[in-house]
Amino acid sequence: MTLYHAIETLLVPLIVLACAVSVLARYAPRTRERVKAALAGRLGGTPATGWRGRLVRWLAPQAATGCASGCDDGGCNTCGANTANNAANNTANNTASGQDKPAEQVVRFVRKR
């Protein structure tokens, strides 16, 4: 086995792992935050000092906002509910309060021929 093959054998799985973690972080943000909090707790929590303290502060869960907050079902209107009632209420609220929120967008799937 040459040095090239050894590096390739180590580098390709690391790239695949990094991509998998990136996809998981994007599509499962609450799970990502739970894992980060658990890892920060295992490193010593807030009393940790030195490099462990810096790593714990970096891993500490941040206040979730928007779609990562878990309110994406339309209950708290953070991700723009797509139901007809909520859309009508949002339109009425926008015109009454003068706020310019983006309108609901329709997604259409078209078959390629």
PDB file of N, CA and C in Angstrom:
ATOM      1  N   MET A   1       0.842  -1.164   0.000  1.00  0.00           N
ATOM      2  CA  MET A   1       0.000   0.000   0.000  1.00  0.00           C
ATOM      3  C   MET A   1       0.897   1.241   0.000  1.00  0.00           C
ATOM      4  N   THR A   2       0.622   2.142  -0.919  1.00  0.00           N
ATOM      5  CA  THR A   2       1.425   3.354  -1.027  1.00  0.00           C
ATOM      6  C   THR A   2       0.866   4.426  -0.094  1.00  0.00           C
ATOM      7  N   LEU A   3       1.620   5.493   0.040  1.00  0.00           N
ATOM      8  CA  LEU A   3       1.186   6.605   0.875  1.00  0.00           C
ATOM      9  C   LEU A   3      -0.091   7.229   0.313  1.00  0.00           C
ATOM     10  N   TYR A   4      -0.189   7.295  -1.013  1.00  0.00           N
ATOM     11  CA  TYR A   4      -1.390   7.844  -1.655  1.00  0.00           C
ATOM     12  C   TYR A   4      -2.629   7.045  -1.259  1.00  0.00           C
ATOM     13  N   HIS A   5      -2.532   5.718  -1.309  1.00  0.00           N
ATOM     14  CA  HIS A   5      -3.671   4.880  -0.960  1.00  0.00           C
ATOM     15  C   HIS A   5      -4.031   5.001   0.524  1.00  0.00           C
ATOM     16  N   ALA A   6      -3.029   5.139   1.367  1.00  0.00           N
ATOM     17  CA  ALA A   6      -3.296   5.291   2.791  1.00  0.00           C
ATOM     18  C   ALA A   6      -4.035   6.602   3.070  1.00  0.00           C
ATOM     19  N   ILE A   7      -3.585   7.684   2.443  1.00  0.00           N
ATOM     20  CA  ILE A   7      -4.249   8.982   2.627  1.00  0.00           C
ATOM     21  C   ILE A   7      -5.653   8.937   2.047  1.00  0.00           C
ATOM     22  N   GLU A   8      -5.793   8.322   0.879  1.00  0.00           N
ATOM     23  CA  GLU A   8      -7.105   8.217   0.246  1.00  0.00           C
ATOM     24  C   GLU A   8      -8.057   7.385   1.106  1.00  0.00           C
ATOM     25  N   THR A   9      -7.564   6.336   1.708  1.00  0.00           N
ATOM     26  CA  THR A   9      -8.384   5.472   2.545  1.00  0.00           C
ATOM     27  C   THR A   9      -8.872   6.218   3.784  1.00  0.00           C
ATOM     28  N   LEU A  10      -8.095   7.151   4.286  1.00  0.00           N
ATOM     29  CA  LEU A  10      -8.507   7.938   5.444  1.00  0.00           C
ATOM     30  C   LEU A  10      -9.330   9.164   5.059  1.00  0.00           C
ATOM     31  N   LEU A  11      -8.974   9.805   3.953  1.00  0.00           N
ATOM     32  CA  LEU A  11      -9.597  11.067   3.578  1.00  0.00           C
ATOM     33  C   LEU A  11     -11.018  10.912   3.054  1.00  0.00           C
ATOM     34  N   VAL A  12     -11.278   9.921   2.222  1.00  0.00           N
ATOM     35  CA  VAL A  12     -12.610   9.751   1.639  1.00  0.00           C
ATOM     36  C   VAL A  12     -13.665   9.476   2.716  1.00  0.00           C
ATOM     37  N   PRO A  13     -13.439   8.561   3.653  1.00  0.00           N
ATOM     38  CA  PRO A  13     -14.452   8.378   4.708  1.00  0.00           C
ATOM     39  C   PRO A  13     -14.656   9.626   5.571  1.00  0.00           C
ATOM     40  N   LEU A  14     -13.607  10.415   5.799  1.00  0.00           N
ATOM     41  CA  LEU A  14     -13.763  11.646   6.566  1.00  0.00           C
ATOM     42  C   LEU A  14     -14.633  12.659   5.820  1.00  0.00           C
ATOM     43  N   ILE A  15     -14.475  12.743   4.510  1.00  0.00           N
ATOM     44  CA  ILE A  15     -15.306  13.649   3.707  1.00  0.00           C
ATOM     45  C   ILE A  15     -16.753  13.189   3.740  1.00  0.00           C
ATOM     46  N   VAL A  16     -16.979  11.890   3.583  1.00  0.00           N
ATOM     47  CA  VAL A  16     -18.341  11.348   3.619  1.00  0.00           C
ATOM     48  C   VAL A  16     -18.970  11.584   4.996  1.00  0.00           C
ATOM     49  N   LEU A  17     -18.215  11.392   6.052  1.00  0.00           N
ATOM     50  CA  LEU A  17     -18.723  11.631   7.406  1.00  0.00           C
ATOM     51  C   LEU A  17     -19.073  13.107   7.616  1.00  0.00           C
ATOM     52  N   ALA A  18     -18.214  14.003   7.142  1.00  0.00           N
ATOM     53  CA  ALA A  18     -18.495  15.437   7.277  1.00  0.00           C
ATOM     54  C   ALA A  18     -19.764  15.816   6.524  1.00  0.00           C
ATOM     55  N   CYS A  19     -19.957  15.268   5.346  1.00  0.00           N
ATOM     56  CA  CYS A  19     -21.175  15.551   4.576  1.00  0.00           C
ATOM     57  C   CYS A  19     -22.407  14.997   5.280  1.00  0.00           C
ATOM     58  N   ALA A  20     -22.306  13.808   5.846  1.00  0.00           N
ATOM     59  CA  ALA A  20     -23.437  13.213   6.556  1.00  0.00           C
ATOM     60  C   ALA A  20     -23.799  14.039   7.791  1.00  0.00           C
ATOM     61  N   VAL A  21     -22.807  14.508   8.519  1.00  0.00           N
ATOM     62  CA  VAL A  21     -23.059  15.343   9.690  1.00  0.00           C
ATOM     63  C   VAL A  21     -23.703  16.662   9.272  1.00  0.00           C
ATOM     64  N   SER A  22     -23.248  17.224   8.165  1.00  0.00           N
ATOM     65  CA  SER A  22     -23.820  18.477   7.668  1.00  0.00           C
ATOM     66  C   SER A  22     -25.288  18.308   7.300  1.00  0.00           C
ATOM     67  N   VAL A  23     -25.619  17.228   6.613  1.00  0.00           N
ATOM     68  CA  VAL A  23     -27.014  16.974   6.233  1.00  0.00           C
ATOM     69  C   VAL A  23     -27.859  16.728   7.476  1.00  0.00           C
ATOM     70  N   LEU A  24     -27.357  15.959   8.411  1.00  0.00           N
ATOM     71  CA  LEU A  24     -28.087  15.701   9.646  1.00  0.00           C
ATOM     72  C   LEU A  24     -28.320  16.993  10.428  1.00  0.00           C
ATOM     73  N   ALA A  25     -27.322  17.858  10.482  1.00  0.00           N
ATOM     74  CA  ALA A  25     -27.465  19.116  11.205  1.00  0.00           C
ATOM     75  C   ALA A  25     -28.508  20.011  10.552  1.00  0.00           C
ATOM     76  N   ARG A  26     -28.593  19.951   9.241  1.00  0.00           N
ATOM     77  CA  ARG A  26     -29.565  20.807   8.554  1.00  0.00           C
ATOM     78  C   ARG A  26     -30.990  20.299   8.715  1.00  0.00           C
ATOM     79  N   TYR A  27     -31.182  18.993   8.612  1.00  0.00           N
ATOM     80  CA  TYR A  27     -32.534  18.451   8.618  1.00  0.00           C
ATOM     81  C   TYR A  27     -33.002  17.940   9.977  1.00  0.00           C
ATOM     82  N   ALA A  28     -32.134  17.917  10.964  1.00  0.00           N
ATOM     83  CA  ALA A  28     -32.524  17.514  12.316  1.00  0.00           C
ATOM     84  C   ALA A  28     -31.884  18.468  13.325  1.00  0.00           C
ATOM     85  N   PRO A  29     -32.289  19.741  13.322  1.00  0.00           N
ATOM     86  CA  PRO A  29     -31.615  20.718  14.189  1.00  0.00           C
ATOM     87  C   PRO A  29     -31.807  20.470  15.679  1.00  0.00           C
ATOM     88  N   ARG A  30     -32.974  19.967  16.086  1.00  0.00           N
ATOM     89  CA  ARG A  30     -33.186  19.717  17.522  1.00  0.00           C
ATOM     90  C   ARG A  30     -32.321  18.560  17.990  1.00  0.00           C
ATOM     91  N   THR A  31     -32.182  17.538  17.168  1.00  0.00           N
ATOM     92  CA  THR A  31     -31.309  16.415  17.512  1.00  0.00           C
ATOM     93  C   THR A  31     -29.869  16.889  17.606  1.00  0.00           C
ATOM     94  N   ARG A  32     -29.452  17.749  16.667  1.00  0.00           N
ATOM     95  CA  ARG A  32     -28.096  18.296  16.691  1.00  0.00           C
ATOM     96  C   ARG A  32     -27.844  19.038  17.994  1.00  0.00           C
ATOM     97  N   GLU A  33     -28.805  19.868  18.417  1.00  0.00           N
ATOM     98  CA  GLU A  33     -28.625  20.634  19.647  1.00  0.00           C
ATOM     99  C   GLU A  33     -28.593  19.726  20.877  1.00  0.00           C
ATOM    100  N   ARG A  34     -29.398  18.658  20.873  1.00  0.00           N
ATOM    101  CA  ARG A  34     -29.370  17.712  22.007  1.00  0.00           C
ATOM    102  C   ARG A  34     -28.026  17.000  22.096  1.00  0.00           C
ATOM    103  N   VAL A  35     -27.482  16.610  20.951  1.00  0.00           N
ATOM    104  CA  VAL A  35     -26.181  15.929  20.941  1.00  0.00           C
ATOM    105  C   VAL A  35     -25.088  16.890  21.410  1.00  0.00           C
ATOM    106  N   LYS A  36     -25.132  18.138  20.941  1.00  0.00           N
ATOM    107  CA  LYS A  36     -24.141  19.121  21.367  1.00  0.00           C
ATOM    108  C   LYS A  36     -24.230  19.368  22.869  1.00  0.00           C
ATOM    109  N   ALA A  37     -25.453  19.452  23.407  1.00  0.00           N
ATOM    110  CA  ALA A  37     -25.610  19.675  24.838  1.00  0.00           C
ATOM    111  C   ALA A  37     -25.085  18.489  25.642  1.00  0.00           C
ATOM    112  N   ALA A  38     -25.356  17.284  25.173  1.00  0.00           N
ATOM    113  CA  ALA A  38     -24.860  16.095  25.872  1.00  0.00           C
ATOM    114  C   ALA A  38     -23.336  16.044  25.850  1.00  0.00           C
ATOM    115  N   LEU A  39     -22.740  16.377  24.707  1.00  0.00           N
ATOM    116  CA  LEU A  39     -21.285  16.380  24.603  1.00  0.00           C
ATOM    117  C   LEU A  39     -20.676  17.452  25.502  1.00  0.00           C
ATOM    118  N   ALA A  40     -21.304  18.625  25.560  1.00  0.00           N
ATOM    119  CA  ALA A  40     -20.819  19.694  26.440  1.00  0.00           C
ATOM    120  C   ALA A  40     -20.906  19.259  27.899  1.00  0.00           C
ATOM    121  N   GLY A  41     -21.964  18.553  28.267  1.00  0.00           N
ATOM    122  CA  GLY A  41     -22.094  18.059  29.632  1.00  0.00           C
ATOM    123  C   GLY A  41     -21.036  17.036  29.984  1.00  0.00           C
ATOM    124  N   ARG A  42     -20.710  16.173  29.033  1.00  0.00           N
ATOM    125  CA  ARG A  42     -19.678  15.163  29.291  1.00  0.00           C
ATOM    126  C   ARG A  42     -18.290  15.774  29.407  1.00  0.00           C
ATOM    127  N   LEU A  43     -18.085  16.936  28.769  1.00  0.00           N
ATOM    128  CA  LEU A  43     -16.780  17.595  28.847  1.00  0.00           C
ATOM    129  C   LEU A  43     -16.593  18.376  30.143  1.00  0.00           C
ATOM    130  N   GLY A  44     -17.609  18.440  30.973  1.00  0.00           N
ATOM    131  CA  GLY A  44     -17.462  19.102  32.263  1.00  0.00           C
ATOM    132  C   GLY A  44     -18.448  20.211  32.498  1.00  0.00           C
ATOM    133  N   GLY A  45     -19.244  20.552  31.514  1.00  0.00           N
ATOM    134  CA  GLY A  45     -20.253  21.599  31.690  1.00  0.00           C
ATOM    135  C   GLY A  45     -19.634  22.975  31.855  1.00  0.00           C
ATOM    136  N   THR A  46     -20.377  23.879  32.448  1.00  0.00           N
ATOM    137  CA  THR A  46     -19.918  25.263  32.582  1.00  0.00           C
ATOM    138  C   THR A  46     -18.714  25.446  33.494  1.00  0.00           C
ATOM    139  N   PRO A  47     -18.464  24.578  34.509  1.00  0.00           N
ATOM    140  CA  PRO A  47     -17.274  24.790  35.340  1.00  0.00           C
ATOM    141  C   PRO A  47     -15.959  24.411  34.660  1.00  0.00           C
ATOM    142  N   ALA A  48     -15.992  23.833  33.473  1.00  0.00           N
ATOM    143  CA  ALA A  48     -14.767  23.417  32.795  1.00  0.00           C
ATOM    144  C   ALA A  48     -13.892  24.630  32.490  1.00  0.00           C
ATOM    145  N   THR A  49     -12.587  24.434  32.543  1.00  0.00           N
ATOM    146  CA  THR A  49     -11.641  25.523  32.280  1.00  0.00           C
ATOM    147  C   THR A  49     -10.714  25.129  31.137  1.00  0.00           C
ATOM    148  N   GLY A  50      -9.970  26.113  30.664  1.00  0.00           N
ATOM    149  CA  GLY A  50      -8.991  25.856  29.610  1.00  0.00           C
ATOM    150  C   GLY A  50      -9.650  25.514  28.278  1.00  0.00           C
ATOM    151  N   TRP A  51      -8.996  24.617  27.548  1.00  0.00           N
ATOM    152  CA  TRP A  51      -9.518  24.252  26.226  1.00  0.00           C
ATOM    153  C   TRP A  51     -10.864  23.558  26.328  1.00  0.00           C
ATOM    154  N   ARG A  52     -11.077  22.826  27.423  1.00  0.00           N
ATOM    155  CA  ARG A  52     -12.382  22.171  27.596  1.00  0.00           C
ATOM    156  C   ARG A  52     -13.480  23.199  27.816  1.00  0.00           C
ATOM    157  N   GLY A  53     -13.187  24.243  28.546  1.00  0.00           N
ATOM    158  CA  GLY A  53     -14.156  25.311  28.779  1.00  0.00           C
ATOM    159  C   GLY A  53     -14.520  26.021  27.476  1.00  0.00           C
ATOM    160  N   ARG A  54     -13.512  26.295  26.642  1.00  0.00           N
ATOM    161  CA  ARG A  54     -13.787  26.926  25.352  1.00  0.00           C
ATOM    162  C   ARG A  54     -14.628  26.018  24.475  1.00  0.00           C
ATOM    163  N   LEU A  55     -14.333  24.730  24.490  1.00  0.00           N
ATOM    164  CA  LEU A  55     -15.104  23.774  23.690  1.00  0.00           C
ATOM    165  C   LEU A  55     -16.535  23.655  24.207  1.00  0.00           C
ATOM    166  N   VAL A  56     -16.709  23.678  25.529  1.00  0.00           N
ATOM    167  CA  VAL A  56     -18.056  23.615  26.114  1.00  0.00           C
ATOM    168  C   VAL A  56     -18.855  24.854  25.729  1.00  0.00           C
ATOM    169  N   ARG A  57     -18.219  26.032  25.800  1.00  0.00           N
ATOM    170  CA  ARG A  57     -18.932  27.257  25.402  1.00  0.00           C
ATOM    171  C   ARG A  57     -19.293  27.236  23.923  1.00  0.00           C
ATOM    172  N   TRP A  58     -18.433  26.666  23.093  1.00  0.00           N
ATOM    173  CA  TRP A  58     -18.707  26.568  21.656  1.00  0.00           C
ATOM    174  C   TRP A  58     -19.848  25.586  21.394  1.00  0.00           C
ATOM    175  N   LEU A  59     -19.904  24.497  22.159  1.00  0.00           N
ATOM    176  CA  LEU A  59     -20.929  23.476  21.972  1.00  0.00           C
ATOM    177  C   LEU A  59     -22.238  23.806  22.681  1.00  0.00           C
ATOM    178  N   ALA A  60     -22.230  24.772  23.580  1.00  0.00           N
ATOM    179  CA  ALA A  60     -23.426  25.086  24.366  1.00  0.00           C
ATOM    180  C   ALA A  60     -24.604  25.379  23.442  1.00  0.00           C
ATOM    181  N   PRO A  61     -25.771  24.838  23.767  1.00  0.00           N
ATOM    182  CA  PRO A  61     -26.946  25.072  22.921  1.00  0.00           C
ATOM    183  C   PRO A  61     -27.279  26.560  22.865  1.00  0.00           C
ATOM    184  N   GLN A  62     -27.593  26.999  21.659  1.00  0.00           N
ATOM    185  CA  GLN A  62     -27.971  28.395  21.461  1.00  0.00           C
ATOM    186  C   GLN A  62     -29.482  28.475  21.421  1.00  0.00           C
ATOM    187  N   ALA A  63     -30.005  29.635  21.723  1.00  0.00           N
ATOM    188  CA  ALA A  63     -31.453  29.827  21.690  1.00  0.00           C
ATOM    189  C   ALA A  63     -31.943  29.620  20.267  1.00  0.00           C
ATOM    190  N   ALA A  64     -32.853  28.673  20.092  1.00  0.00           N
ATOM    191  CA  ALA A  64     -33.367  28.364  18.768  1.00  0.00           C
ATOM    192  C   ALA A  64     -34.381  29.409  18.343  1.00  0.00           C
ATOM    193  N   THR A  65     -34.264  29.831  17.099  1.00  0.00           N
ATOM    194  CA  THR A  65     -35.223  30.767  16.530  1.00  0.00           C
ATOM    195  C   THR A  65     -35.649  30.252  15.171  1.00  0.00           C
ATOM    196  N   GLY A  66     -36.747  30.720  14.705  1.00  0.00           N
ATOM    197  CA  GLY A  66     -37.209  30.338  13.376  1.00  0.00           C
ATOM    198  C   GLY A  66     -37.625  28.889  13.325  1.00  0.00           C
ATOM    199  N   CYS A  67     -37.301  28.243  12.240  1.00  0.00           N
ATOM    200  CA  CYS A  67     -37.734  26.867  12.026  1.00  0.00           C
ATOM    201  C   CYS A  67     -37.058  25.891  12.985  1.00  0.00           C
ATOM    202  N   ALA A  68     -35.909  26.244  13.537  1.00  0.00           N
ATOM    203  CA  ALA A  68     -35.217  25.349  14.455  1.00  0.00           C
ATOM    204  C   ALA A  68     -35.847  25.341  15.835  1.00  0.00           C
ATOM    205  N   SER A  69     -36.808  26.226  16.070  1.00  0.00           N
ATOM    206  CA  SER A  69     -37.394  26.326  17.393  1.00  0.00           C
ATOM    207  C   SER A  69     -38.431  25.244  17.668  1.00  0.00           C
ATOM    208  N   GLY A  70     -38.813  24.493  16.654  1.00  0.00           N
ATOM    209  CA  GLY A  70     -39.810  23.455  16.841  1.00  0.00           C
ATOM    210  C   GLY A  70     -41.218  23.955  16.661  1.00  0.00           C
ATOM    211  N   CYS A  71     -41.379  25.213  16.274  1.00  0.00           N
ATOM    212  CA  CYS A  71     -42.703  25.801  16.082  1.00  0.00           C
ATOM    213  C   CYS A  71     -43.091  25.825  14.617  1.00  0.00           C
ATOM    214  N   ASP A  72     -42.502  24.977  13.809  1.00  0.00           N
ATOM    215  CA  ASP A  72     -42.742  25.033  12.380  1.00  0.00           C
ATOM    216  C   ASP A  72     -44.065  24.403  11.965  1.00  0.00           C
ATOM    217  N   ASP A  73     -44.919  24.053  12.908  1.00  0.00           N
ATOM    218  CA  ASP A  73     -46.230  23.515  12.570  1.00  0.00           C
ATOM    219  C   ASP A  73     -47.253  24.627  12.382  1.00  0.00           C
ATOM    220  N   GLY A  74     -46.830  25.865  12.460  1.00  0.00           N
ATOM    221  CA  GLY A  74     -47.730  26.995  12.287  1.00  0.00           C
ATOM    222  C   GLY A  74     -48.274  27.505  13.607  1.00  0.00           C
ATOM    223  N   GLY A  75     -47.943  26.834  14.701  1.00  0.00           N
ATOM    224  CA  GLY A  75     -48.459  27.242  15.996  1.00  0.00           C
ATOM    225  C   GLY A  75     -47.940  28.590  16.445  1.00  0.00           C
ATOM    226  N   CYS A  76     -46.718  28.901  16.125  1.00  0.00           N
ATOM    227  CA  CYS A  76     -46.196  30.199  16.535  1.00  0.00           C
ATOM    228  C   CYS A  76     -45.785  31.041  15.337  1.00  0.00           C
ATOM    229  N   ASN A  77     -46.157  30.613  14.142  1.00  0.00           N
ATOM    230  CA  ASN A  77     -45.941  31.373  12.909  1.00  0.00           C
ATOM    231  C   ASN A  77     -44.490  31.740  12.659  1.00  0.00           C
ATOM    232  N   THR A  78     -43.539  30.912  13.041  1.00  0.00           N
ATOM    233  CA  THR A  78     -42.142  31.234  12.785  1.00  0.00           C
ATOM    234  C   THR A  78     -41.705  30.824  11.398  1.00  0.00           C
ATOM    235  N   CYS A  79     -42.347  29.832  10.843  1.00  0.00           N
ATOM    236  CA  CYS A  79     -41.932  29.353   9.526  1.00  0.00           C
ATOM    237  C   CYS A  79     -42.969  29.629   8.457  1.00  0.00           C
ATOM    238  N   GLY A  80     -43.965  30.408   8.744  1.00  0.00           N
ATOM    239  CA  GLY A  80     -44.977  30.733   7.752  1.00  0.00           C
ATOM    240  C   GLY A  80     -45.896  29.548   7.512  1.00  0.00           C
ATOM    241  N   ALA A  81     -46.987  29.505   8.215  1.00  0.00           N
ATOM    242  CA  ALA A  81     -47.929  28.402   8.065  1.00  0.00           C
ATOM    243  C   ALA A  81     -48.517  28.421   6.660  1.00  0.00           C
ATOM    244  N   ASN A  82     -48.805  27.244   6.133  1.00  0.00           N
ATOM    245  CA  ASN A  82     -49.295  27.184   4.768  1.00  0.00           C
ATOM    246  C   ASN A  82     -50.763  26.776   4.691  1.00  0.00           C
ATOM    247  N   THR A  83     -51.472  26.908   5.772  1.00  0.00           N
ATOM    248  CA  THR A  83     -52.890  26.589   5.730  1.00  0.00           C
ATOM    249  C   THR A  83     -53.671  27.810   5.282  1.00  0.00           C
ATOM    250  N   ALA A  84     -54.853  27.592   4.748  1.00  0.00           N
ATOM    251  CA  ALA A  84     -55.647  28.694   4.203  1.00  0.00           C
ATOM    252  C   ALA A  84     -56.080  29.662   5.307  1.00  0.00           C
ATOM    253  N   ASN A  85     -56.477  29.137   6.472  1.00  0.00           N
ATOM    254  CA  ASN A  85     -56.921  30.013   7.568  1.00  0.00           C
ATOM    255  C   ASN A  85     -55.790  30.894   8.061  1.00  0.00           C
ATOM    256  N   ASN A  86     -54.611  30.305   8.260  1.00  0.00           N
ATOM    257  CA  ASN A  86     -53.487  31.091   8.750  1.00  0.00           C
ATOM    258  C   ASN A  86     -53.039  32.103   7.703  1.00  0.00           C
ATOM    259  N   ALA A  87     -53.105  31.725   6.421  1.00  0.00           N
ATOM    260  CA  ALA A  87     -52.722  32.661   5.368  1.00  0.00           C
ATOM    261  C   ALA A  87     -53.683  33.840   5.333  1.00  0.00           C
ATOM    262  N   ALA A  88     -54.983  33.583   5.508  1.00  0.00           N
ATOM    263  CA  ALA A  88     -55.965  34.666   5.520  1.00  0.00           C
ATOM    264  C   ALA A  88     -55.754  35.555   6.743  1.00  0.00           C
ATOM    265  N   ASN A  89     -55.479  34.940   7.887  1.00  0.00           N
ATOM    266  CA  ASN A  89     -55.228  35.722   9.103  1.00  0.00           C
ATOM    267  C   ASN A  89     -53.969  36.562   8.964  1.00  0.00           C
ATOM    268  N   ASN A  90     -52.910  35.973   8.379  1.00  0.00           N
ATOM    269  CA  ASN A  90     -51.669  36.717   8.196  1.00  0.00           C
ATOM    270  C   ASN A  90     -51.873  37.892   7.256  1.00  0.00           C
ATOM    271  N   THR A  91     -52.653  37.694   6.187  1.00  0.00           N
ATOM    272  CA  THR A  91     -52.919  38.777   5.246  1.00  0.00           C
ATOM    273  C   THR A  91     -53.680  39.900   5.933  1.00  0.00           C
ATOM    274  N   ALA A  92     -54.688  39.535   6.726  1.00  0.00           N
ATOM    275  CA  ALA A  92     -55.470  40.542   7.448  1.00  0.00           C
ATOM    276  C   ALA A  92     -54.590  41.273   8.460  1.00  0.00           C
ATOM    277  N   ASN A  93     -53.726  40.546   9.152  1.00  0.00           N
ATOM    278  CA  ASN A  93     -52.850  41.171  10.139  1.00  0.00           C
ATOM    279  C   ASN A  93     -51.828  42.076   9.472  1.00  0.00           C
ATOM    280  N   ASN A  94     -51.315  41.657   8.311  1.00  0.00           N
ATOM    281  CA  ASN A  94     -50.308  42.459   7.613  1.00  0.00           C
ATOM    282  C   ASN A  94     -50.891  43.780   7.145  1.00  0.00           C
ATOM    283  N   THR A  95     -52.104  43.746   6.605  1.00  0.00           N
ATOM    284  CA  THR A  95     -52.693  44.988   6.123  1.00  0.00           C
ATOM    285  C   THR A  95     -53.084  45.885   7.281  1.00  0.00           C
ATOM    286  N   ALA A  96     -53.509  45.294   8.400  1.00  0.00           N
ATOM    287  CA  ALA A  96     -53.933  46.088   9.547  1.00  0.00           C
ATOM    288  C   ALA A  96     -52.734  46.716  10.258  1.00  0.00           C
ATOM    289  N   SER A  97     -51.649  45.967  10.395  1.00  0.00           N
ATOM    290  CA  SER A  97     -50.506  46.472  11.139  1.00  0.00           C
ATOM    291  C   SER A  97     -49.492  47.170  10.253  1.00  0.00           C
ATOM    292  N   GLY A  98     -49.610  47.024   8.931  1.00  0.00           N
ATOM    293  CA  GLY A  98     -48.692  47.693   8.023  1.00  0.00           C
ATOM    294  C   GLY A  98     -47.366  46.979   7.866  1.00  0.00           C
ATOM    295  N   GLN A  99     -47.216  45.776   8.403  1.00  0.00           N
ATOM    296  CA  GLN A  99     -45.968  45.038   8.253  1.00  0.00           C
ATOM    297  C   GLN A  99     -45.949  44.366   6.898  1.00  0.00           C
ATOM    298  N   ASP A 100     -44.770  44.342   6.272  1.00  0.00           N
ATOM    299  CA  ASP A 100     -44.628  43.693   4.975  1.00  0.00           C
ATOM    300  C   ASP A 100     -43.943  42.343   5.160  1.00  0.00           C
ATOM    301  N   LYS A 101     -44.725  41.304   5.347  1.00  0.00           N
ATOM    302  CA  LYS A 101     -44.198  39.951   5.445  1.00  0.00           C
ATOM    303  C   LYS A 101     -44.308  39.319   4.070  1.00  0.00           C
ATOM    304  N   PRO A 102     -43.401  38.410   3.731  1.00  0.00           N
ATOM    305  CA  PRO A 102     -43.472  37.788   2.414  1.00  0.00           C
ATOM    306  C   PRO A 102     -44.753  36.972   2.264  1.00  0.00           C
ATOM    307  N   ALA A 103     -45.311  37.017   1.071  1.00  0.00           N
ATOM    308  CA  ALA A 103     -46.529  36.264   0.790  1.00  0.00           C
ATOM    309  C   ALA A 103     -46.203  34.788   0.660  1.00  0.00           C
ATOM    310  N   GLU A 104     -47.210  33.975   0.795  1.00  0.00           N
ATOM    311  CA  GLU A 104     -47.049  32.534   0.673  1.00  0.00           C
ATOM    312  C   GLU A 104     -46.692  32.198  -0.769  1.00  0.00           C
ATOM    313  N   GLN A 105     -45.729  31.314  -0.950  1.00  0.00           N
ATOM    314  CA  GLN A 105     -45.304  30.937  -2.287  1.00  0.00           C
ATOM    315  C   GLN A 105     -45.832  29.556  -2.614  1.00  0.00           C
ATOM    316  N   VAL A 106     -46.267  29.377  -3.842  1.00  0.00           N
ATOM    317  CA  VAL A 106     -46.789  28.100  -4.298  1.00  0.00           C
ATOM    318  C   VAL A 106     -45.673  27.356  -5.014  1.00  0.00           C
ATOM    319  N   VAL A 107     -45.503  26.085  -4.676  1.00  0.00           N
ATOM    320  CA  VAL A 107     -44.502  25.253  -5.316  1.00  0.00           C
ATOM    321  C   VAL A 107     -45.214  24.321  -6.276  1.00  0.00           C
ATOM    322  N   ARG A 108     -44.782  24.324  -7.521  1.00  0.00           N
ATOM    323  CA  ARG A 108     -45.384  23.454  -8.527  1.00  0.00           C
ATOM    324  C   ARG A 108     -44.346  22.497  -9.046  1.00  0.00           C
ATOM    325  N   PHE A 109     -44.705  21.213  -9.092  1.00  0.00           N
ATOM    326  CA  PHE A 109     -43.829  20.197  -9.634  1.00  0.00           C
ATOM    327  C   PHE A 109     -44.254  19.920 -11.069  1.00  0.00           C
ATOM    328  N   VAL A 110     -43.303  20.005 -12.001  1.00  0.00           N
ATOM    329  CA  VAL A 110     -43.600  19.815 -13.410  1.00  0.00           C
ATOM    330  C   VAL A 110     -42.765  18.647 -13.919  1.00  0.00           C
ATOM    331  N   ARG A 111     -43.412  17.735 -14.606  1.00  0.00           N
ATOM    332  CA  ARG A 111     -42.724  16.569 -15.155  1.00  0.00           C
ATOM    333  C   ARG A 111     -41.933  16.976 -16.392  1.00  0.00           C
ATOM    334  N   LYS A 112     -40.680  16.543 -16.470  1.00  0.00           N
ATOM    335  CA  LYS A 112     -39.870  16.798 -17.655  1.00  0.00           C
ATOM    336  C   LYS A 112     -40.277  15.827 -18.747  1.00  0.00           C
ATOM    337  N   ARG A 113     -40.294  16.284 -19.955  1.00  0.00           N
ATOM    338  CA  ARG A 113     -40.668  15.408 -21.081  1.00  0.00           C
ATOM    339  C   ARG A 113     -39.493  15.102 -21.952  1.00  0.00           C
TER     340      ARG A 113
END
